[in-house]
């Protein structure tokens, strides 16, 4: 099991830049969030998880993992859409997953190349796939590629965390960008702590059980 890697250098930078976030980091402590290093596996997992509960995702993913062993483009393409649906996903999601597998198998999308791209190019490449929006692409950069500076304007839970920590009623784009610049180049670590805040981490709740990042409508 792999976790997002960060340490004292990242938290020290954030604490020096922002007093309230510094207090939150001290109160919450270290955060361990799981990552999936295999980008295709993470991509399929993200599509499966769209607009369903965490429990439902675990059930469906358990079936797929048991059937496939390792989720690869070849394994996906070996099954027709109706067999993919039988795992408990919609026809649309099954089509998205097969479409992604076909793009990779034909070379239309090279995930090794994506892994070497700058963040903005990688987001454009991933979100070119049907069923993968900008938010999903950003979460793949964070929770698969472990990019250090992912701070998603489209993430509802980050907005909740910012409102709670800084007592804002709303977070318009201009204000959000000020926070992005403040937290750079460690926006991903700031995101982890803001998700914990949004999940009640400052009220003494177990922050590792905080809700997952929250997508905008349509992911």
N, C-alpha and C. Protein backbone atom coordinates (compact mmCIF):
# COMPACT_ATOMS: atom_id res chain seq x y z
N UNK A 1 0.85 -1.19 0.00
CA UNK A 1 0.00 0.00 0.00
C UNK A 1 0.89 1.24 0.00
N UNK A 2 0.65 2.15 -0.94
CA UNK A 2 1.46 3.35 -1.06
C UNK A 2 0.67 4.56 -0.57
N UNK A 3 1.40 5.56 -0.06
CA UNK A 3 0.79 6.78 0.44
C UNK A 3 1.47 7.99 -0.19
N UNK A 4 0.75 9.10 -0.25
CA UNK A 4 1.32 10.32 -0.79
C UNK A 4 2.52 10.73 0.06
N UNK A 5 3.64 10.97 -0.60
CA UNK A 5 4.89 11.24 0.11
C UNK A 5 5.10 12.74 0.27
N UNK A 6 5.24 13.17 1.51
CA UNK A 6 5.65 14.54 1.80
C UNK A 6 6.32 14.52 3.17
N UNK A 7 6.95 15.62 3.54
CA UNK A 7 7.66 15.61 4.81
C UNK A 7 7.82 17.00 5.40
N UNK A 8 8.85 17.16 6.21
CA UNK A 8 9.04 18.39 6.97
C UNK A 8 9.29 19.59 6.07
N UNK A 9 9.97 19.40 4.94
CA UNK A 9 10.26 20.54 4.07
C UNK A 9 8.97 21.16 3.54
N UNK A 10 8.03 20.31 3.13
CA UNK A 10 6.76 20.81 2.58
C UNK A 10 5.93 21.50 3.66
N UNK A 11 5.79 20.86 4.81
CA UNK A 11 4.96 21.47 5.85
C UNK A 11 5.62 22.73 6.42
N UNK A 12 6.94 22.75 6.52
CA UNK A 12 7.61 23.95 7.01
C UNK A 12 7.38 25.13 6.07
N UNK A 13 7.43 24.87 4.77
CA UNK A 13 7.18 25.93 3.79
C UNK A 13 5.76 26.47 3.95
N UNK A 14 4.78 25.59 4.04
CA UNK A 14 3.39 26.03 4.17
C UNK A 14 3.16 26.77 5.48
N UNK A 15 3.75 26.29 6.54
CA UNK A 15 3.57 26.93 7.85
C UNK A 15 4.19 28.33 7.87
N UNK A 16 5.30 28.50 7.16
CA UNK A 16 5.94 29.80 7.09
C UNK A 16 5.12 30.79 6.26
N UNK A 17 4.33 30.27 5.32
CA UNK A 17 3.57 31.13 4.42
C UNK A 17 2.20 31.52 4.98
N UNK A 18 1.66 30.73 5.92
CA UNK A 18 0.28 30.96 6.31
C UNK A 18 0.05 30.52 7.77
N UNK A 19 -0.32 31.48 8.62
CA UNK A 19 -0.46 31.21 10.05
C UNK A 19 -1.61 30.24 10.33
N UNK A 20 -2.75 30.45 9.69
CA UNK A 20 -3.89 29.57 9.99
C UNK A 20 -3.66 28.15 9.50
N UNK A 21 -3.07 28.02 8.33
CA UNK A 21 -2.75 26.68 7.86
C UNK A 21 -1.70 26.05 8.76
N UNK A 22 -0.77 26.84 9.24
CA UNK A 22 0.24 26.33 10.16
C UNK A 22 -0.41 25.74 11.40
N UNK A 23 -1.38 26.45 11.96
CA UNK A 23 -2.08 25.95 13.14
C UNK A 23 -2.84 24.66 12.83
N UNK A 24 -3.43 24.61 11.63
CA UNK A 24 -4.16 23.39 11.24
C UNK A 24 -3.21 22.21 11.09
N UNK A 25 -2.05 22.44 10.48
CA UNK A 25 -1.07 21.37 10.30
C UNK A 25 -0.64 20.83 11.66
N UNK A 26 -0.37 21.73 12.61
CA UNK A 26 0.04 21.29 13.94
C UNK A 26 -1.08 20.52 14.65
N UNK A 27 -2.31 20.99 14.49
CA UNK A 27 -3.43 20.34 15.17
C UNK A 27 -3.76 18.97 14.57
N UNK A 28 -3.64 18.84 13.27
CA UNK A 28 -4.03 17.61 12.57
C UNK A 28 -2.91 16.58 12.58
N UNK A 29 -1.67 17.04 12.45
CA UNK A 29 -0.55 16.11 12.40
C UNK A 29 -0.36 15.52 11.02
N UNK A 30 0.41 14.46 10.94
CA UNK A 30 0.70 13.84 9.65
C UNK A 30 -0.57 13.22 9.05
N UNK A 31 -0.67 13.32 7.74
CA UNK A 31 -1.80 12.75 7.00
C UNK A 31 -1.28 11.68 6.06
N UNK A 32 -1.90 10.54 6.09
CA UNK A 32 -1.55 9.43 5.19
C UNK A 32 -2.72 9.20 4.24
N UNK A 33 -2.52 9.55 2.98
CA UNK A 33 -3.56 9.33 1.97
C UNK A 33 -3.03 8.37 0.93
N UNK A 34 -3.81 7.35 0.66
CA UNK A 34 -3.39 6.30 -0.26
C UNK A 34 -3.26 6.84 -1.69
N UNK A 35 -2.31 6.30 -2.42
CA UNK A 35 -2.14 6.60 -3.83
C UNK A 35 -2.07 5.29 -4.60
N UNK A 36 -2.37 5.38 -5.90
CA UNK A 36 -2.27 4.23 -6.79
C UNK A 36 -1.23 4.58 -7.86
N UNK A 37 -0.02 4.06 -7.74
CA UNK A 37 1.05 4.45 -8.67
C UNK A 37 0.79 4.08 -10.13
N UNK A 38 0.00 3.05 -10.38
CA UNK A 38 -0.27 2.68 -11.76
C UNK A 38 -1.36 3.60 -12.32
N UNK A 39 -1.01 4.40 -13.31
CA UNK A 39 -1.91 5.44 -13.78
C UNK A 39 -3.17 4.88 -14.43
N UNK A 40 -3.06 3.78 -15.18
CA UNK A 40 -4.27 3.22 -15.79
C UNK A 40 -5.21 2.67 -14.72
N UNK A 41 -4.67 1.97 -13.75
CA UNK A 41 -5.51 1.47 -12.65
C UNK A 41 -6.21 2.63 -11.95
N UNK A 42 -5.46 3.69 -11.68
CA UNK A 42 -6.04 4.85 -11.02
C UNK A 42 -7.12 5.50 -11.88
N UNK A 43 -6.89 5.53 -13.19
CA UNK A 43 -7.86 6.10 -14.12
C UNK A 43 -9.16 5.32 -14.09
N UNK A 44 -9.08 4.01 -14.19
CA UNK A 44 -10.29 3.17 -14.16
C UNK A 44 -11.00 3.32 -12.82
N UNK A 45 -10.23 3.32 -11.74
CA UNK A 45 -10.82 3.47 -10.40
C UNK A 45 -11.57 4.80 -10.29
N UNK A 46 -11.00 5.85 -10.87
CA UNK A 46 -11.66 7.16 -10.83
C UNK A 46 -12.97 7.16 -11.59
N UNK A 47 -12.98 6.52 -12.76
CA UNK A 47 -14.21 6.46 -13.56
C UNK A 47 -15.27 5.65 -12.83
N UNK A 48 -14.88 4.51 -12.28
CA UNK A 48 -15.83 3.67 -11.54
C UNK A 48 -16.44 4.45 -10.39
N UNK A 49 -15.62 5.27 -9.71
CA UNK A 49 -16.07 5.95 -8.51
C UNK A 49 -16.91 7.19 -8.72
N UNK A 50 -17.09 7.61 -9.97
CA UNK A 50 -17.84 8.84 -10.21
C UNK A 50 -19.29 8.70 -9.77
N UNK A 51 -19.73 9.63 -8.91
CA UNK A 51 -21.13 9.77 -8.50
C UNK A 51 -21.69 8.53 -7.83
N UNK A 52 -20.84 7.76 -7.11
CA UNK A 52 -21.33 6.67 -6.28
C UNK A 52 -20.65 6.79 -4.92
N UNK A 53 -21.20 6.12 -3.93
CA UNK A 53 -20.66 6.20 -2.58
C UNK A 53 -19.34 5.44 -2.48
N UNK A 54 -18.59 5.75 -1.43
CA UNK A 54 -17.33 5.05 -1.20
C UNK A 54 -17.57 3.56 -1.01
N UNK A 55 -18.63 3.22 -0.31
CA UNK A 55 -18.95 1.80 -0.08
C UNK A 55 -19.26 1.09 -1.39
N UNK A 56 -20.05 1.73 -2.25
CA UNK A 56 -20.37 1.13 -3.55
C UNK A 56 -19.12 0.97 -4.40
N UNK A 57 -18.25 1.97 -4.35
CA UNK A 57 -17.00 1.89 -5.09
C UNK A 57 -16.16 0.71 -4.61
N UNK A 58 -16.07 0.52 -3.32
CA UNK A 58 -15.29 -0.60 -2.78
C UNK A 58 -15.85 -1.94 -3.25
N UNK A 59 -17.18 -2.04 -3.30
CA UNK A 59 -17.81 -3.29 -3.75
C UNK A 59 -17.49 -3.57 -5.21
N UNK A 60 -17.70 -2.56 -6.05
CA UNK A 60 -17.47 -2.74 -7.49
C UNK A 60 -15.99 -3.01 -7.75
N UNK A 61 -15.14 -2.26 -7.11
CA UNK A 61 -13.71 -2.41 -7.34
C UNK A 61 -13.23 -3.78 -6.87
N UNK A 62 -13.78 -4.27 -5.79
CA UNK A 62 -13.42 -5.60 -5.32
C UNK A 62 -13.75 -6.67 -6.36
N UNK A 63 -14.90 -6.53 -7.01
CA UNK A 63 -15.28 -7.48 -8.06
C UNK A 63 -14.32 -7.40 -9.24
N UNK A 64 -13.99 -6.18 -9.63
CA UNK A 64 -13.10 -6.02 -10.79
C UNK A 64 -11.70 -6.55 -10.48
N UNK A 65 -11.20 -6.25 -9.29
CA UNK A 65 -9.87 -6.72 -8.92
C UNK A 65 -9.82 -8.24 -8.86
N UNK A 66 -10.90 -8.85 -8.37
CA UNK A 66 -10.94 -10.31 -8.29
C UNK A 66 -10.97 -10.93 -9.68
N UNK A 67 -11.68 -10.28 -10.61
CA UNK A 67 -11.80 -10.83 -11.96
C UNK A 67 -10.54 -10.59 -12.79
N UNK A 68 -9.95 -9.40 -12.66
CA UNK A 68 -8.82 -9.03 -13.50
C UNK A 68 -7.47 -9.40 -12.91
N UNK A 69 -7.40 -9.41 -11.59
CA UNK A 69 -6.09 -9.49 -10.95
C UNK A 69 -5.46 -8.12 -11.04
N UNK A 70 -4.88 -7.81 -12.18
CA UNK A 70 -4.34 -6.47 -12.43
C UNK A 70 -5.16 -5.82 -13.53
N UNK A 71 -5.61 -4.61 -13.30
CA UNK A 71 -6.45 -3.91 -14.27
C UNK A 71 -5.55 -3.27 -15.32
N UNK A 72 -5.57 -3.82 -16.51
CA UNK A 72 -4.74 -3.34 -17.62
C UNK A 72 -5.62 -3.06 -18.83
N UNK A 73 -5.14 -2.27 -19.78
CA UNK A 73 -5.92 -2.05 -21.00
C UNK A 73 -6.29 -3.36 -21.69
N UNK A 74 -5.34 -4.31 -21.76
CA UNK A 74 -5.63 -5.58 -22.42
C UNK A 74 -6.71 -6.36 -21.70
N UNK A 75 -6.68 -6.36 -20.37
CA UNK A 75 -7.69 -7.08 -19.61
C UNK A 75 -9.07 -6.47 -19.82
N UNK A 76 -9.12 -5.15 -19.89
CA UNK A 76 -10.40 -4.47 -20.12
C UNK A 76 -10.93 -4.80 -21.51
N UNK A 77 -10.05 -4.72 -22.52
CA UNK A 77 -10.50 -4.93 -23.89
C UNK A 77 -10.88 -6.38 -24.17
N UNK A 78 -10.46 -7.29 -23.31
CA UNK A 78 -10.81 -8.70 -23.48
C UNK A 78 -12.26 -8.98 -23.09
N UNK A 79 -12.92 -7.99 -22.49
CA UNK A 79 -14.30 -8.17 -22.05
C UNK A 79 -15.21 -7.18 -22.76
N UNK A 80 -16.35 -7.63 -23.27
CA UNK A 80 -17.30 -6.70 -23.89
C UNK A 80 -17.94 -5.80 -22.84
N UNK A 81 -18.60 -4.77 -23.31
CA UNK A 81 -19.19 -3.78 -22.41
C UNK A 81 -20.16 -4.43 -21.43
N UNK A 82 -20.97 -5.40 -21.89
CA UNK A 82 -21.95 -5.98 -20.97
C UNK A 82 -21.28 -6.74 -19.82
N UNK A 83 -20.11 -7.32 -20.06
CA UNK A 83 -19.40 -7.99 -18.97
C UNK A 83 -18.82 -6.97 -18.00
N UNK A 84 -18.39 -5.83 -18.51
CA UNK A 84 -17.93 -4.77 -17.62
C UNK A 84 -19.10 -4.25 -16.78
N UNK A 85 -20.25 -4.09 -17.39
CA UNK A 85 -21.43 -3.65 -16.65
C UNK A 85 -21.78 -4.61 -15.52
N UNK A 86 -21.54 -5.89 -15.74
CA UNK A 86 -21.90 -6.90 -14.75
C UNK A 86 -21.16 -6.73 -13.43
N UNK A 87 -20.07 -5.96 -13.43
CA UNK A 87 -19.38 -5.67 -12.18
C UNK A 87 -20.17 -4.70 -11.31
N UNK A 88 -21.17 -4.05 -11.92
CA UNK A 88 -21.99 -3.11 -11.16
C UNK A 88 -21.83 -1.67 -11.58
N UNK A 89 -21.40 -1.44 -12.83
CA UNK A 89 -21.24 -0.08 -13.33
C UNK A 89 -22.23 0.16 -14.47
N UNK A 90 -22.44 1.43 -14.78
CA UNK A 90 -23.38 1.79 -15.83
C UNK A 90 -22.81 1.51 -17.21
N UNK A 91 -23.70 1.47 -18.18
CA UNK A 91 -23.27 1.30 -19.57
C UNK A 91 -22.33 2.42 -19.97
N UNK A 92 -22.63 3.64 -19.53
CA UNK A 92 -21.79 4.78 -19.89
C UNK A 92 -20.39 4.62 -19.31
N UNK A 93 -20.29 4.26 -18.04
CA UNK A 93 -18.96 4.09 -17.44
C UNK A 93 -18.19 2.95 -18.10
N UNK A 94 -18.89 1.87 -18.43
CA UNK A 94 -18.23 0.77 -19.13
C UNK A 94 -17.66 1.25 -20.46
N UNK A 95 -18.41 2.10 -21.14
CA UNK A 95 -17.92 2.65 -22.40
C UNK A 95 -16.72 3.55 -22.21
N UNK A 96 -16.76 4.36 -21.16
CA UNK A 96 -15.62 5.23 -20.87
C UNK A 96 -14.35 4.41 -20.61
N UNK A 97 -14.51 3.35 -19.84
CA UNK A 97 -13.35 2.52 -19.47
C UNK A 97 -12.79 1.83 -20.71
N UNK A 98 -13.67 1.28 -21.54
CA UNK A 98 -13.19 0.65 -22.77
C UNK A 98 -12.56 1.69 -23.70
N UNK A 99 -13.14 2.88 -23.75
CA UNK A 99 -12.58 3.93 -24.59
C UNK A 99 -11.17 4.31 -24.15
N UNK A 100 -10.97 4.41 -22.85
CA UNK A 100 -9.63 4.72 -22.33
C UNK A 100 -8.66 3.60 -22.67
N UNK A 101 -9.10 2.35 -22.51
CA UNK A 101 -8.24 1.21 -22.81
C UNK A 101 -7.87 1.18 -24.30
N UNK A 102 -8.84 1.49 -25.15
CA UNK A 102 -8.57 1.51 -26.59
C UNK A 102 -7.59 2.62 -26.95
N UNK A 103 -7.75 3.80 -26.34
CA UNK A 103 -6.84 4.92 -26.62
C UNK A 103 -5.40 4.56 -26.26
N UNK A 104 -5.24 3.84 -25.17
CA UNK A 104 -3.90 3.45 -24.74
C UNK A 104 -3.36 2.32 -25.61
N UNK A 105 -4.22 1.34 -25.91
CA UNK A 105 -3.77 0.20 -26.70
C UNK A 105 -3.38 0.60 -28.11
N UNK A 106 -4.06 1.60 -28.67
CA UNK A 106 -3.77 2.04 -30.04
C UNK A 106 -2.66 3.08 -30.10
N UNK A 107 -2.22 3.56 -28.95
CA UNK A 107 -1.19 4.59 -28.93
C UNK A 107 -1.72 5.99 -29.04
N UNK A 108 -3.04 6.16 -29.07
CA UNK A 108 -3.61 7.50 -29.14
C UNK A 108 -3.29 8.29 -27.87
N UNK A 109 -3.13 7.57 -26.75
CA UNK A 109 -2.72 8.19 -25.50
C UNK A 109 -1.62 7.34 -24.90
N UNK A 110 -0.50 7.96 -24.63
CA UNK A 110 0.65 7.27 -24.06
C UNK A 110 0.80 7.70 -22.60
N UNK A 111 0.47 6.80 -21.68
CA UNK A 111 0.49 7.16 -20.27
C UNK A 111 1.91 7.39 -19.75
N UNK A 112 2.89 6.71 -20.33
CA UNK A 112 4.27 6.98 -19.93
C UNK A 112 4.65 8.41 -20.29
N UNK A 113 4.20 8.85 -21.47
CA UNK A 113 4.47 10.23 -21.87
C UNK A 113 3.72 11.21 -20.99
N UNK A 114 2.49 10.88 -20.65
CA UNK A 114 1.70 11.74 -19.76
C UNK A 114 2.43 11.94 -18.43
N UNK A 115 3.01 10.86 -17.92
CA UNK A 115 3.70 10.92 -16.63
C UNK A 115 4.90 11.86 -16.65
N UNK A 116 5.40 12.16 -17.85
CA UNK A 116 6.56 13.07 -17.97
C UNK A 116 6.16 14.50 -18.33
N UNK A 117 4.89 14.71 -18.63
CA UNK A 117 4.43 16.03 -19.05
C UNK A 117 4.33 16.99 -17.87
N UNK A 118 4.47 18.30 -18.14
CA UNK A 118 4.11 19.29 -17.12
C UNK A 118 2.65 19.14 -16.72
N UNK A 119 2.29 19.66 -15.56
CA UNK A 119 0.95 19.46 -15.04
C UNK A 119 -0.14 19.87 -16.02
N UNK A 120 -0.04 21.05 -16.61
CA UNK A 120 -1.12 21.53 -17.47
C UNK A 120 -1.27 20.66 -18.70
N UNK A 121 -0.15 20.19 -19.26
CA UNK A 121 -0.24 19.31 -20.44
C UNK A 121 -0.81 17.94 -20.05
N UNK A 122 -0.40 17.43 -18.92
CA UNK A 122 -0.92 16.13 -18.48
C UNK A 122 -2.42 16.20 -18.22
N UNK A 123 -2.88 17.30 -17.66
CA UNK A 123 -4.32 17.47 -17.42
C UNK A 123 -5.07 17.51 -18.73
N UNK A 124 -4.55 18.25 -19.71
CA UNK A 124 -5.21 18.30 -21.02
C UNK A 124 -5.25 16.92 -21.68
N UNK A 125 -4.16 16.18 -21.58
CA UNK A 125 -4.11 14.86 -22.21
C UNK A 125 -5.11 13.91 -21.56
N UNK A 126 -5.14 13.87 -20.26
CA UNK A 126 -6.04 12.95 -19.56
C UNK A 126 -7.51 13.35 -19.76
N UNK A 127 -7.78 14.64 -19.70
CA UNK A 127 -9.18 15.08 -19.82
C UNK A 127 -9.68 15.04 -21.26
N UNK A 128 -8.81 14.67 -22.21
CA UNK A 128 -9.27 14.46 -23.58
C UNK A 128 -10.05 13.15 -23.70
N UNK A 129 -9.92 12.27 -22.72
CA UNK A 129 -10.66 11.01 -22.72
C UNK A 129 -12.11 11.26 -22.33
N UNK A 130 -13.03 10.56 -22.98
CA UNK A 130 -14.43 10.64 -22.57
C UNK A 130 -14.57 10.14 -21.14
N UNK A 131 -15.31 10.88 -20.34
CA UNK A 131 -15.54 10.47 -18.96
C UNK A 131 -14.51 10.98 -17.99
N UNK A 132 -13.51 11.70 -18.47
CA UNK A 132 -12.46 12.24 -17.60
C UNK A 132 -12.48 13.76 -17.72
N UNK A 133 -12.99 14.42 -16.69
CA UNK A 133 -12.99 15.86 -16.66
C UNK A 133 -11.70 16.41 -16.08
N UNK A 134 -11.63 17.73 -16.01
CA UNK A 134 -10.42 18.36 -15.49
C UNK A 134 -10.18 17.97 -14.04
N UNK A 135 -11.25 17.96 -13.22
CA UNK A 135 -11.07 17.59 -11.81
C UNK A 135 -10.52 16.17 -11.68
N UNK A 136 -11.08 15.23 -12.43
CA UNK A 136 -10.59 13.85 -12.37
C UNK A 136 -9.12 13.79 -12.78
N UNK A 137 -8.76 14.52 -13.83
CA UNK A 137 -7.37 14.55 -14.27
C UNK A 137 -6.47 15.12 -13.18
N UNK A 138 -6.92 16.17 -12.51
CA UNK A 138 -6.13 16.75 -11.43
C UNK A 138 -5.93 15.76 -10.29
N UNK A 139 -6.99 15.01 -9.96
CA UNK A 139 -6.87 14.03 -8.88
C UNK A 139 -5.93 12.88 -9.27
N UNK A 140 -5.89 12.55 -10.56
CA UNK A 140 -4.94 11.54 -11.02
C UNK A 140 -3.51 12.04 -10.89
N UNK A 141 -3.30 13.32 -11.15
CA UNK A 141 -1.96 13.87 -10.97
C UNK A 141 -1.54 13.79 -9.50
N UNK A 142 -2.48 14.03 -8.60
CA UNK A 142 -2.14 14.02 -7.18
C UNK A 142 -2.04 12.60 -6.65
N UNK A 143 -3.07 11.79 -6.87
CA UNK A 143 -3.17 10.49 -6.20
C UNK A 143 -2.61 9.32 -7.00
N UNK A 144 -2.03 9.60 -8.16
CA UNK A 144 -1.30 8.56 -8.89
C UNK A 144 0.12 9.03 -9.18
N UNK A 145 0.25 10.16 -9.86
CA UNK A 145 1.57 10.66 -10.23
C UNK A 145 2.26 11.40 -9.08
N UNK A 146 1.53 11.70 -8.01
CA UNK A 146 2.06 12.38 -6.84
C UNK A 146 2.73 13.71 -7.19
N UNK A 147 2.07 14.48 -8.05
CA UNK A 147 2.58 15.81 -8.36
C UNK A 147 2.44 16.70 -7.12
N UNK A 148 3.41 17.56 -6.86
CA UNK A 148 3.44 18.29 -5.59
C UNK A 148 2.56 19.52 -5.50
N UNK A 149 2.07 20.03 -6.65
CA UNK A 149 1.41 21.34 -6.61
C UNK A 149 0.03 21.31 -7.25
N UNK A 150 -0.80 20.35 -6.84
CA UNK A 150 -2.17 20.24 -7.36
C UNK A 150 -3.11 20.91 -6.36
N UNK A 151 -3.81 21.94 -6.80
CA UNK A 151 -4.73 22.69 -5.95
C UNK A 151 -5.92 23.03 -6.82
N UNK A 152 -6.97 22.23 -6.73
CA UNK A 152 -8.05 22.22 -7.71
C UNK A 152 -9.18 23.19 -7.36
N UNK A 153 -9.38 24.18 -8.23
CA UNK A 153 -10.50 25.10 -8.05
C UNK A 153 -11.83 24.37 -8.12
N UNK A 154 -11.90 23.29 -8.89
CA UNK A 154 -13.14 22.56 -9.05
C UNK A 154 -13.48 21.62 -7.91
N UNK A 155 -12.62 21.53 -6.89
CA UNK A 155 -12.85 20.58 -5.81
C UNK A 155 -13.70 21.21 -4.72
N UNK A 156 -14.89 20.64 -4.50
CA UNK A 156 -15.83 21.22 -3.54
C UNK A 156 -15.33 21.14 -2.11
N UNK A 157 -14.62 20.05 -1.78
CA UNK A 157 -14.14 19.89 -0.41
C UNK A 157 -13.02 20.89 -0.09
N UNK A 158 -12.20 21.23 -1.06
CA UNK A 158 -11.19 22.26 -0.83
C UNK A 158 -11.86 23.60 -0.56
N UNK A 159 -12.92 23.90 -1.28
CA UNK A 159 -13.67 25.12 -1.01
C UNK A 159 -14.24 25.11 0.41
N UNK A 160 -14.78 23.96 0.84
CA UNK A 160 -15.31 23.86 2.20
C UNK A 160 -14.19 24.07 3.22
N UNK A 161 -13.03 23.47 2.97
CA UNK A 161 -11.91 23.63 3.88
C UNK A 161 -11.44 25.07 3.97
N UNK A 162 -11.35 25.75 2.83
CA UNK A 162 -10.94 27.16 2.83
C UNK A 162 -11.95 28.02 3.57
N UNK A 163 -13.24 27.78 3.33
CA UNK A 163 -14.26 28.57 4.02
C UNK A 163 -14.20 28.35 5.52
N UNK A 164 -14.00 27.10 5.93
CA UNK A 164 -13.95 26.80 7.36
C UNK A 164 -12.72 27.39 8.03
N UNK A 165 -11.57 27.27 7.38
CA UNK A 165 -10.32 27.69 8.00
C UNK A 165 -10.17 29.21 8.02
N UNK A 166 -10.65 29.86 6.96
CA UNK A 166 -10.44 31.31 6.85
C UNK A 166 -11.72 32.11 7.05
N UNK A 167 -12.82 31.45 7.38
CA UNK A 167 -14.09 32.10 7.68
C UNK A 167 -14.63 32.92 6.50
N UNK A 168 -14.45 32.37 5.31
CA UNK A 168 -15.02 33.01 4.12
C UNK A 168 -16.43 32.48 3.88
N UNK A 169 -17.28 33.33 3.32
CA UNK A 169 -18.61 32.87 2.91
C UNK A 169 -18.55 32.18 1.55
N UNK A 170 -17.64 32.62 0.72
CA UNK A 170 -17.47 32.02 -0.59
C UNK A 170 -16.03 32.19 -1.05
N UNK A 171 -15.65 31.39 -2.03
CA UNK A 171 -14.28 31.43 -2.56
C UNK A 171 -14.34 31.70 -4.06
N UNK A 172 -14.43 32.97 -4.46
CA UNK A 172 -14.39 33.25 -5.90
C UNK A 172 -13.02 32.93 -6.48
N UNK A 173 -12.94 32.89 -7.78
CA UNK A 173 -11.72 32.45 -8.44
C UNK A 173 -10.51 33.30 -8.04
N UNK A 174 -10.68 34.60 -7.98
CA UNK A 174 -9.55 35.47 -7.67
C UNK A 174 -8.99 35.16 -6.28
N UNK A 175 -9.87 34.97 -5.31
CA UNK A 175 -9.41 34.63 -3.96
C UNK A 175 -8.74 33.26 -3.95
N UNK A 176 -9.32 32.31 -4.67
CA UNK A 176 -8.73 30.97 -4.74
C UNK A 176 -7.32 31.04 -5.31
N UNK A 177 -7.12 31.84 -6.35
CA UNK A 177 -5.80 31.94 -6.97
C UNK A 177 -4.78 32.56 -6.02
N UNK A 178 -5.22 33.44 -5.15
CA UNK A 178 -4.30 33.98 -4.14
C UNK A 178 -3.80 32.87 -3.22
N UNK A 179 -4.71 31.98 -2.81
CA UNK A 179 -4.29 30.86 -1.98
C UNK A 179 -3.39 29.91 -2.76
N UNK A 180 -3.71 29.69 -4.03
CA UNK A 180 -2.87 28.81 -4.85
C UNK A 180 -1.43 29.33 -4.89
N UNK A 181 -1.29 30.64 -5.12
CA UNK A 181 0.05 31.23 -5.17
C UNK A 181 0.74 31.15 -3.80
N UNK A 182 -0.02 31.33 -2.75
CA UNK A 182 0.55 31.29 -1.40
C UNK A 182 1.08 29.89 -1.08
N UNK A 183 0.35 28.86 -1.49
CA UNK A 183 0.72 27.49 -1.12
C UNK A 183 1.73 26.86 -2.08
N UNK A 184 1.90 27.45 -3.26
CA UNK A 184 2.86 26.89 -4.22
C UNK A 184 4.27 26.91 -3.62
N UNK A 185 5.10 25.94 -3.94
CA UNK A 185 4.89 24.83 -4.88
C UNK A 185 4.39 23.55 -4.23
N UNK A 186 3.70 23.68 -3.09
CA UNK A 186 3.24 22.49 -2.37
C UNK A 186 1.72 22.51 -2.19
N UNK A 187 1.02 22.87 -3.27
CA UNK A 187 -0.43 22.90 -3.22
C UNK A 187 -1.05 21.55 -2.91
N UNK A 188 -0.40 20.46 -3.30
CA UNK A 188 -0.95 19.13 -3.03
C UNK A 188 -1.01 18.87 -1.53
N UNK A 189 0.03 19.26 -0.80
CA UNK A 189 0.02 19.05 0.66
C UNK A 189 -1.00 19.97 1.31
N UNK A 190 -1.11 21.21 0.83
CA UNK A 190 -2.16 22.09 1.33
C UNK A 190 -3.54 21.47 1.09
N UNK A 191 -3.71 20.83 -0.06
CA UNK A 191 -4.98 20.17 -0.37
C UNK A 191 -5.29 19.08 0.66
N UNK A 192 -4.29 18.28 1.00
CA UNK A 192 -4.50 17.22 1.98
C UNK A 192 -5.03 17.79 3.29
N UNK A 193 -4.45 18.89 3.73
CA UNK A 193 -4.87 19.47 5.01
C UNK A 193 -6.22 20.15 4.92
N UNK A 194 -6.52 20.77 3.79
CA UNK A 194 -7.83 21.38 3.64
C UNK A 194 -8.92 20.33 3.54
N UNK A 195 -8.64 19.18 2.92
CA UNK A 195 -9.61 18.09 2.93
C UNK A 195 -9.85 17.59 4.35
N UNK A 196 -8.78 17.53 5.13
CA UNK A 196 -8.93 17.10 6.53
C UNK A 196 -9.76 18.11 7.32
N UNK A 197 -9.53 19.39 7.09
CA UNK A 197 -10.33 20.43 7.75
C UNK A 197 -11.79 20.28 7.35
N UNK A 198 -12.04 20.09 6.06
CA UNK A 198 -13.41 19.93 5.58
C UNK A 198 -14.09 18.71 6.21
N UNK A 199 -13.30 17.69 6.56
CA UNK A 199 -13.84 16.48 7.16
C UNK A 199 -13.92 16.52 8.67
N UNK A 200 -13.64 17.67 9.28
CA UNK A 200 -13.74 17.79 10.73
C UNK A 200 -12.45 17.56 11.47
N UNK A 201 -11.32 17.63 10.79
CA UNK A 201 -10.04 17.33 11.43
C UNK A 201 -9.69 18.26 12.57
N UNK A 202 -10.22 19.49 12.54
CA UNK A 202 -9.91 20.43 13.62
C UNK A 202 -10.84 20.28 14.81
N UNK A 203 -11.86 19.43 14.67
CA UNK A 203 -12.76 19.19 15.79
C UNK A 203 -12.42 17.90 16.51
N UNK A 204 -11.20 17.38 16.24
CA UNK A 204 -10.75 16.20 16.96
C UNK A 204 -11.19 14.90 16.32
N UNK A 205 -11.79 14.95 15.12
CA UNK A 205 -12.19 13.72 14.45
C UNK A 205 -10.99 13.11 13.75
N UNK A 206 -11.08 11.84 13.44
CA UNK A 206 -9.99 11.13 12.77
C UNK A 206 -9.86 11.65 11.35
N UNK A 207 -8.82 12.43 11.09
CA UNK A 207 -8.75 13.10 9.79
C UNK A 207 -8.45 12.12 8.66
N UNK A 208 -7.90 10.94 8.97
CA UNK A 208 -7.71 9.97 7.90
C UNK A 208 -9.03 9.46 7.38
N UNK A 209 -10.10 9.65 8.14
CA UNK A 209 -11.43 9.26 7.68
C UNK A 209 -12.19 10.37 7.03
N UNK A 210 -11.48 11.47 6.73
CA UNK A 210 -12.12 12.60 6.09
C UNK A 210 -12.69 12.18 4.74
N UNK A 211 -13.75 12.87 4.31
CA UNK A 211 -14.35 12.52 3.03
C UNK A 211 -13.35 12.69 1.91
N UNK A 212 -13.50 11.95 0.84
CA UNK A 212 -12.58 12.09 -0.28
C UNK A 212 -12.74 13.44 -0.94
N UNK A 213 -11.81 13.82 -1.79
CA UNK A 213 -11.97 15.07 -2.53
C UNK A 213 -13.32 15.13 -3.21
N UNK A 214 -13.88 16.30 -3.30
CA UNK A 214 -15.23 16.44 -3.83
C UNK A 214 -15.25 17.01 -5.21
N UNK A 215 -15.75 16.27 -6.19
CA UNK A 215 -15.75 16.76 -7.57
C UNK A 215 -16.86 17.76 -7.81
N UNK A 216 -16.70 18.61 -8.80
CA UNK A 216 -17.80 19.44 -9.25
C UNK A 216 -18.78 18.55 -10.01
N UNK A 217 -19.99 19.04 -10.30
CA UNK A 217 -20.92 18.25 -11.10
C UNK A 217 -20.27 17.81 -12.41
N UNK A 218 -20.33 16.55 -12.69
CA UNK A 218 -19.76 16.02 -13.92
C UNK A 218 -18.33 15.59 -13.81
N UNK A 219 -17.68 15.83 -12.67
CA UNK A 219 -16.31 15.36 -12.44
C UNK A 219 -15.28 15.93 -13.37
